[in-house]
Amino acid sequence: MKEIVYQTQGTCSKLIRLVGDGGRIVSVEFLGGCHGNLQGIASLVKGMKYQDVIDRVEGIQCGMKPTSCPDQLARALRQLQAEETAK
């Protein structure tokens, strides 16, 4: 199992705490942001493969911002994926 804390950029959420194991999401916790929506995202992606989530949420924008909390989750998952394969 691998845990990372990812500092988001350009969103209302400030951090994403992400735990993964063997390419699957164990848990996701957002600090800050729209609490109900982010709880929903965290619940929906639990147990999913990293790449499946990345494929679905990468590039999503929030209003006029070039990113969003789901997009930041994809970036955090890419980091977690890289750290898992580097070990």
C-alpha atoms as a PDB file:
ATOM      1  CA  MET A   1       0.000   0.000   0.000  1.00  0.00           C
ATOM      2  CA  LYS A   2       1.237   3.477  -0.867  1.00  0.00           C
ATOM      3  CA  GLU A   3      -0.009   6.815   0.473  1.00  0.00           C
ATOM      4  CA  ILE A   4       0.694  10.257  -0.938  1.00  0.00           C
ATOM      5  CA  VAL A   5      -0.449  13.745  -0.029  1.00  0.00           C
ATOM      6  CA  TYR A   6      -0.824  15.827  -3.167  1.00  0.00           C
ATOM      7  CA  GLN A   7      -0.921  19.624  -2.969  1.00  0.00           C
ATOM      8  CA  THR A   8      -3.497  20.832  -5.463  1.00  0.00           C
ATOM      9  CA  GLN A   9      -3.092  23.890  -7.655  1.00  0.00           C
ATOM     10  CA  GLY A  10      -5.813  26.185  -8.944  1.00  0.00           C
ATOM     11  CA  THR A  11      -8.729  24.656  -7.017  1.00  0.00           C
ATOM     12  CA  CYS A  12     -10.655  25.304  -3.822  1.00  0.00           C
ATOM     13  CA  SER A  13      -9.401  22.035  -2.339  1.00  0.00           C
ATOM     14  CA  LYS A  14      -5.891  22.370  -0.923  1.00  0.00           C
ATOM     15  CA  LEU A  15      -4.729  18.760  -0.548  1.00  0.00           C
ATOM     16  CA  ILE A  16      -5.626  15.268  -1.684  1.00  0.00           C
ATOM     17  CA  ARG A  17      -4.675  12.355   0.557  1.00  0.00           C
ATOM     18  CA  LEU A  18      -4.596   9.275  -1.635  1.00  0.00           C
ATOM     19  CA  VAL A  19      -3.985   5.635  -0.726  1.00  0.00           C
ATOM     20  CA  GLY A  20      -3.498   3.050  -3.437  1.00  0.00           C
ATOM     21  CA  ASP A  21      -2.510  -0.564  -3.678  1.00  0.00           C
ATOM     22  CA  GLY A  22      -1.464  -2.413  -6.810  1.00  0.00           C
ATOM     23  CA  GLY A  23      -2.996   0.083  -9.214  1.00  0.00           C
ATOM     24  CA  ARG A  24      -6.316   0.410  -7.363  1.00  0.00           C
ATOM     25  CA  ILE A  25      -7.602   3.248  -5.196  1.00  0.00           C
ATOM     26  CA  VAL A  26      -8.020   2.308  -1.534  1.00  0.00           C
ATOM     27  CA  SER A  27      -9.125   5.749  -0.310  1.00  0.00           C
ATOM     28  CA  VAL A  28      -9.264   9.406  -1.311  1.00  0.00           C
ATOM     29  CA  GLU A  29      -9.694  12.378   0.997  1.00  0.00           C
ATOM     30  CA  PHE A  30      -9.872  16.009  -0.132  1.00  0.00           C
ATOM     31  CA  LEU A  31      -9.034  18.879   2.228  1.00  0.00           C
ATOM     32  CA  GLY A  32     -11.079  21.949   1.411  1.00  0.00           C
ATOM     33  CA  GLY A  33     -13.349  22.460  -1.565  1.00  0.00           C
ATOM     34  CA  CYS A  34     -17.007  21.503  -1.994  1.00  0.00           C
ATOM     35  CA  HIS A  35     -17.272  18.908   0.751  1.00  0.00           C
ATOM     36  CA  GLY A  36     -20.342  17.022  -0.458  1.00  0.00           C
ATOM     37  CA  ASN A  37     -19.211  16.803  -4.074  1.00  0.00           C
ATOM     38  CA  LEU A  38     -15.708  15.724  -3.111  1.00  0.00           C
ATOM     39  CA  GLN A  39     -17.026  13.077  -0.718  1.00  0.00           C
ATOM     40  CA  GLY A  40     -19.102  11.783  -3.608  1.00  0.00           C
ATOM     41  CA  ILE A  41     -16.116  11.643  -5.945  1.00  0.00           C
ATOM     42  CA  ALA A  42     -14.032   9.875  -3.293  1.00  0.00           C
ATOM     43  CA  SER A  43     -16.761   7.293  -2.765  1.00  0.00           C
ATOM     44  CA  LEU A  44     -17.300   6.699  -6.481  1.00  0.00           C
ATOM     45  CA  VAL A  45     -13.623   6.092  -7.290  1.00  0.00           C
ATOM     46  CA  LYS A  46     -12.866   3.816  -4.333  1.00  0.00           C
ATOM     47  CA  GLY A  47     -11.734   0.419  -5.631  1.00  0.00           C
ATOM     48  CA  MET A  48     -11.263   1.648  -9.203  1.00  0.00           C
ATOM     49  CA  LYS A  49      -8.084   1.261 -11.230  1.00  0.00           C
ATOM     50  CA  TYR A  50      -5.973   4.418 -11.387  1.00  0.00           C
ATOM     51  CA  GLN A  51      -6.017   4.554 -15.182  1.00  0.00           C
ATOM     52  CA  ASP A  52      -9.794   4.185 -15.383  1.00  0.00           C
ATOM     53  CA  VAL A  53     -10.244   7.229 -13.135  1.00  0.00           C
ATOM     54  CA  ILE A  54      -7.555   9.212 -14.976  1.00  0.00           C
ATOM     55  CA  ASP A  55      -9.262   8.466 -18.293  1.00  0.00           C
ATOM     56  CA  ARG A  56     -12.607   9.716 -16.973  1.00  0.00           C
ATOM     57  CA  VAL A  57     -11.647  12.883 -15.096  1.00  0.00           C
ATOM     58  CA  GLU A  58      -8.402  14.226 -16.560  1.00  0.00           C
ATOM     59  CA  GLY A  59      -8.888  17.589 -18.253  1.00  0.00           C
ATOM     60  CA  ILE A  60     -12.184  18.496 -16.556  1.00  0.00           C
ATOM     61  CA  GLN A  61     -12.356  22.246 -15.935  1.00  0.00           C
ATOM     62  CA  CYS A  62     -14.166  24.165 -13.201  1.00  0.00           C
ATOM     63  CA  GLY A  63     -15.788  27.254 -14.659  1.00  0.00           C
ATOM     64  CA  MET A  64     -13.109  29.363 -16.325  1.00  0.00           C
ATOM     65  CA  LYS A  65     -10.274  27.634 -14.453  1.00  0.00           C
ATOM     66  CA  PRO A  66      -7.990  25.398 -16.510  1.00  0.00           C
ATOM     67  CA  THR A  67      -8.325  22.616 -13.907  1.00  0.00           C
ATOM     68  CA  SER A  68     -10.762  21.200 -11.340  1.00  0.00           C
ATOM     69  CA  CYS A  69     -10.747  18.930  -8.302  1.00  0.00           C
ATOM     70  CA  PRO A  70     -11.343  15.856 -10.514  1.00  0.00           C
ATOM     71  CA  ASP A  71      -8.480  16.941 -12.806  1.00  0.00           C
ATOM     72  CA  GLN A  72      -6.242  17.404  -9.767  1.00  0.00           C
ATOM     73  CA  LEU A  73      -7.209  13.896  -8.645  1.00  0.00           C
ATOM     74  CA  ALA A  74      -6.023  12.591 -12.022  1.00  0.00           C
ATOM     75  CA  ARG A  75      -2.701  14.371 -11.518  1.00  0.00           C
ATOM     76  CA  ALA A  76      -2.375  12.924  -8.010  1.00  0.00           C
ATOM     77  CA  LEU A  77      -3.118   9.458  -9.398  1.00  0.00           C
ATOM     78  CA  ARG A  78      -0.411   9.881 -12.042  1.00  0.00           C
ATOM     79  CA  GLN A  79       2.050  10.728  -9.246  1.00  0.00           C
ATOM     80  CA  LEU A  80       0.952   7.736  -7.179  1.00  0.00           C
ATOM     81  CA  GLN A  81       1.189   5.498 -10.246  1.00  0.00           C
ATOM     82  CA  ALA A  82       4.743   6.709 -10.938  1.00  0.00           C
ATOM     83  CA  GLU A  83       5.825   6.191  -7.327  1.00  0.00           C
ATOM     84  CA  GLU A  84       4.400   2.674  -7.238  1.00  0.00           C
ATOM     85  CA  THR A  85       6.160   1.637 -10.435  1.00  0.00           C
ATOM     86  CA  ALA A  86       9.469   3.222  -9.335  1.00  0.00           C
ATOM     87  CA  LYS A  87       9.830   1.021  -6.262  1.00  0.00           C
END
